Amino acid sequence: MRLAPRTVNIGDYIEVLDDTIKGHIVRLTPQQVTVITTEGFELTYRPEEIIVIEEEAPLKGAFTNIDEESLRKDVVSKRKNKSPLTKKERNIPPMEVDLHIEQLVNSTRNMTNYDMLTLQLETARRQLEFAIAQRIQRVVFIHGVGEGVLRTELEFLLGRYSNVTFYDAEYAKYGIGATEVYIYQNAK
């Protein structure tokens, strides 16, 4: 790592010293450095507020050689189009968990997209663990439509449980922004 004030160039990958913001320099003047962050925001800093860093390797290859295609097939194979519920089970209302960030915190001020997504996934994991412990068979996670990042991460989380099946929740009630989870109570 080297200090930025004397050695920055357009295109350099930087990190803000007193924040968790990283990005690429797009404009440069002696008093200002304009950065496009990894989240896509354009922000301006003084040169002494940033440092040039090495660009990070993608996380998927950093720890292990996971075959991404087999992971996708596994998640898709767990997603079913039809509900495995009997007529009696359909009448029992499911536990609903709203993962919209506005429902989880009073203010998202000073929260990055990563912080919000992490909070949403941790909430989903805790609620799923609670449902398993309390022997609740159905849970509906309301995640909304958006860009599908939360839905994808939620499916990855649910794919790690061997005793659950998940599928799109009832369209008439939730639209396309919800995933229903069926928990097998006697799974070993």
Protein backbone atom coordinates (compact mmCIF):
# COMPACT_ATOMS: atom_id res chain seq x y z
CA MET A 1 0.00 0.00 0.00
CA ARG A 2 1.18 3.47 -0.74
CA LEU A 3 -0.18 6.90 0.11
CA ALA A 4 -2.31 8.48 -2.58
CA PRO A 5 -1.60 12.24 -2.64
CA ARG A 6 1.47 12.05 -4.91
CA THR A 7 1.00 8.77 -6.79
CA VAL A 8 -2.62 8.40 -7.91
CA ASN A 9 -3.71 8.01 -11.50
CA ILE A 10 -7.07 7.69 -13.21
CA GLY A 11 -8.09 4.04 -13.11
CA ASP A 12 -6.25 3.23 -9.85
CA TYR A 13 -8.11 1.02 -7.36
CA ILE A 14 -8.35 2.87 -4.03
CA GLU A 15 -9.76 2.58 -0.54
CA VAL A 16 -10.99 5.44 1.64
CA LEU A 17 -8.96 5.66 4.85
CA ASP A 18 -11.76 6.30 7.35
CA ASP A 19 -14.51 4.27 5.66
CA THR A 20 -15.14 0.90 4.05
CA ILE A 21 -15.41 2.32 0.55
CA LYS A 22 -13.38 1.01 -2.38
CA GLY A 23 -13.46 1.93 -6.04
CA HIS A 24 -11.70 3.22 -9.14
CA ILE A 25 -10.56 6.79 -9.76
CA VAL A 26 -12.43 8.41 -12.67
CA ARG A 27 -11.46 12.10 -12.32
CA LEU A 28 -8.47 13.73 -10.73
CA THR A 29 -7.56 17.30 -9.76
CA PRO A 30 -4.96 18.48 -7.23
CA GLN A 31 -7.72 19.08 -4.63
CA GLN A 32 -10.24 16.33 -5.49
CA VAL A 33 -10.31 12.67 -6.42
CA THR A 34 -13.58 11.40 -7.90
CA VAL A 35 -14.20 7.69 -7.42
CA ILE A 36 -16.77 5.21 -8.76
CA THR A 37 -17.31 2.85 -5.82
CA THR A 38 -17.74 -0.90 -6.12
CA GLU A 39 -21.46 -0.29 -5.43
CA GLY A 40 -21.65 2.11 -8.40
CA PHE A 41 -21.77 5.46 -6.58
CA GLU A 42 -19.68 8.45 -7.67
CA LEU A 43 -18.03 10.08 -4.65
CA THR A 44 -15.41 12.81 -4.25
CA TYR A 45 -12.56 12.87 -1.70
CA ARG A 46 -9.46 14.88 -0.91
CA PRO A 47 -6.25 13.12 -2.03
CA GLU A 48 -5.07 12.60 1.57
CA GLU A 49 -8.27 10.66 2.39
CA ILE A 50 -7.50 7.73 0.08
CA ILE A 51 -4.81 5.12 -0.53
CA VAL A 52 -4.06 3.07 -3.61
CA ILE A 53 -4.48 -0.66 -3.05
CA GLU A 54 -4.11 -3.81 -5.08
CA GLU A 55 -7.30 -4.90 -6.80
CA GLU A 56 -8.84 -7.83 -4.98
CA ALA A 57 -9.35 -11.22 -6.57
CA PRO A 58 -12.98 -12.32 -6.71
CA LEU A 59 -14.03 -14.08 -3.52
CA LYS A 60 -15.34 -17.19 -5.21
CA GLY A 61 -11.83 -18.36 -6.05
CA ALA A 62 -10.10 -16.98 -2.99
CA PHE A 63 -10.83 -19.84 -0.62
CA THR A 64 -11.62 -22.90 -2.65
CA ASN A 65 -12.13 -24.14 -6.17
CA ILE A 66 -15.90 -24.44 -6.16
CA ASP A 67 -17.57 -25.46 -9.38
CA GLU A 68 -20.08 -22.63 -9.81
CA GLU A 69 -22.21 -24.57 -12.29
CA SER A 70 -22.74 -27.50 -9.90
CA LEU A 71 -23.76 -25.04 -7.15
CA ARG A 72 -26.35 -23.50 -9.45
CA LYS A 73 -27.71 -26.92 -10.41
CA ASP A 74 -27.97 -27.88 -6.73
CA VAL A 75 -29.92 -24.72 -5.87
CA VAL A 76 -32.18 -25.09 -8.93
CA SER A 77 -32.83 -28.75 -8.11
CA LYS A 78 -33.98 -27.80 -4.60
CA ARG A 79 -36.36 -25.16 -5.99
CA LYS A 80 -39.68 -26.78 -6.83
CA ASN A 81 -42.52 -25.32 -8.88
CA LYS A 82 -45.22 -27.13 -6.91
CA SER A 83 -45.90 -27.00 -3.22
CA PRO A 84 -45.41 -30.36 -1.42
CA LEU A 85 -48.31 -29.54 0.89
CA THR A 86 -51.42 -31.56 1.54
CA LYS A 87 -54.82 -29.89 1.68
CA LYS A 88 -54.74 -29.87 5.50
CA GLU A 89 -51.25 -28.32 5.62
CA ARG A 90 -52.25 -25.59 3.18
CA ASN A 91 -54.81 -24.31 5.68
CA ILE A 92 -52.19 -23.73 8.40
CA PRO A 93 -50.92 -20.18 7.88
CA PRO A 94 -47.17 -19.97 7.37
CA MET A 95 -44.81 -17.89 9.49
CA GLU A 96 -44.06 -14.70 7.54
CA VAL A 97 -40.70 -12.94 7.68
CA ASP A 98 -40.46 -9.57 5.93
CA LEU A 99 -36.84 -9.01 4.89
CA HIS A 100 -37.32 -5.49 3.55
CA ILE A 101 -34.62 -3.40 5.17
CA GLU A 102 -37.13 -0.75 6.31
CA GLN A 103 -38.80 -3.44 8.44
CA LEU A 104 -35.53 -4.42 10.12
CA VAL A 105 -33.98 -1.07 11.05
CA ASN A 106 -35.24 2.44 11.75
CA SER A 107 -32.67 4.09 9.50
CA THR A 108 -30.24 2.82 6.88
CA ARG A 109 -28.02 5.86 7.34
CA ASN A 110 -24.33 4.90 7.41
CA MET A 111 -25.14 1.36 6.21
CA THR A 112 -23.52 0.07 3.04
CA ASN A 113 -25.34 -2.28 0.67
CA TYR A 114 -23.19 -5.07 2.10
CA ASP A 115 -24.28 -4.21 5.66
CA MET A 116 -27.95 -4.22 4.66
CA LEU A 117 -27.68 -7.53 2.79
CA THR A 118 -25.78 -9.12 5.68
CA LEU A 119 -28.46 -7.98 8.16
CA GLN A 120 -31.23 -9.34 5.92
CA LEU A 121 -29.53 -12.72 5.51
CA GLU A 122 -28.71 -12.99 9.22
CA THR A 123 -32.36 -12.24 10.02
CA ALA A 124 -33.47 -14.93 7.56
CA ARG A 125 -31.05 -17.47 9.07
CA ARG A 126 -32.16 -16.71 12.65
CA GLN A 127 -35.85 -16.92 11.74
CA LEU A 128 -35.31 -20.20 9.89
CA GLU A 129 -33.43 -21.65 12.87
CA PHE A 130 -36.27 -20.48 15.13
CA ALA A 131 -38.86 -22.15 12.88
CA ILE A 132 -36.88 -25.40 12.88
CA ALA A 133 -36.54 -25.31 16.69
CA GLN A 134 -40.24 -24.55 17.16
CA ARG A 135 -41.26 -27.18 14.59
CA ILE A 136 -42.98 -24.65 12.33
CA GLN A 137 -43.40 -26.32 8.95
CA ARG A 138 -43.80 -23.36 6.60
CA VAL A 139 -42.04 -20.01 6.49
CA VAL A 140 -42.53 -17.31 3.87
CA PHE A 141 -39.61 -14.93 3.35
CA ILE A 142 -40.80 -11.70 1.73
CA HIS A 143 -37.79 -10.30 -0.10
CA GLY A 144 -39.33 -8.15 -2.83
CA VAL A 145 -38.37 -8.08 -6.48
CA GLY A 146 -35.52 -5.57 -6.89
CA GLU A 147 -32.43 -6.78 -8.74
CA GLY A 148 -32.68 -10.28 -7.25
CA VAL A 149 -29.52 -10.14 -5.12
CA LEU A 150 -31.31 -10.86 -1.84
CA ARG A 151 -33.36 -13.65 -3.45
CA THR A 152 -30.23 -15.29 -4.88
CA GLU A 153 -28.37 -15.08 -1.56
CA LEU A 154 -31.45 -16.37 0.29
CA GLU A 155 -31.63 -19.37 -2.07
CA PHE A 156 -27.94 -20.07 -1.46
CA LEU A 157 -28.55 -19.93 2.31
CA LEU A 158 -31.57 -22.24 2.07
CA GLY A 159 -29.62 -24.65 -0.15
CA ARG A 160 -27.30 -25.32 2.78
CA TYR A 161 -30.13 -26.93 4.78
CA SER A 162 -30.87 -30.57 3.96
CA ASN A 163 -34.24 -30.58 5.70
CA VAL A 164 -35.91 -27.78 3.71
CA THR A 165 -37.47 -27.35 0.30
CA PHE A 166 -38.16 -23.90 -1.07
CA TYR A 167 -40.26 -22.57 -3.91
CA ASP A 168 -42.04 -19.41 -5.03
CA ALA A 169 -44.69 -18.37 -2.51
CA GLU A 170 -48.35 -18.07 -3.44
CA TYR A 171 -48.49 -15.55 -6.29
CA ALA A 172 -52.00 -14.29 -5.51
CA LYS A 173 -50.96 -13.27 -1.99
CA TYR A 174 -47.26 -12.31 -2.31
CA GLY A 175 -46.61 -11.69 -6.00
CA ILE A 176 -43.16 -12.75 -7.21
CA GLY A 177 -41.28 -11.17 -4.31
CA ALA A 178 -41.50 -14.03 -1.81
CA THR A 179 -40.05 -17.50 -1.26
CA GLU A 180 -41.84 -20.16 0.76
CA VAL A 181 -39.84 -22.72 2.71
CA TYR A 182 -41.19 -26.10 3.75
CA ILE A 183 -39.32 -27.63 6.68
CA TYR A 184 -39.26 -31.41 6.98
CA GLN A 185 -39.59 -32.07 10.68
CA ASN A 186 -38.39 -35.68 10.78
CA ALA A 187 -35.40 -35.30 8.46
CA LYS A 188 -32.19 -36.95 9.63
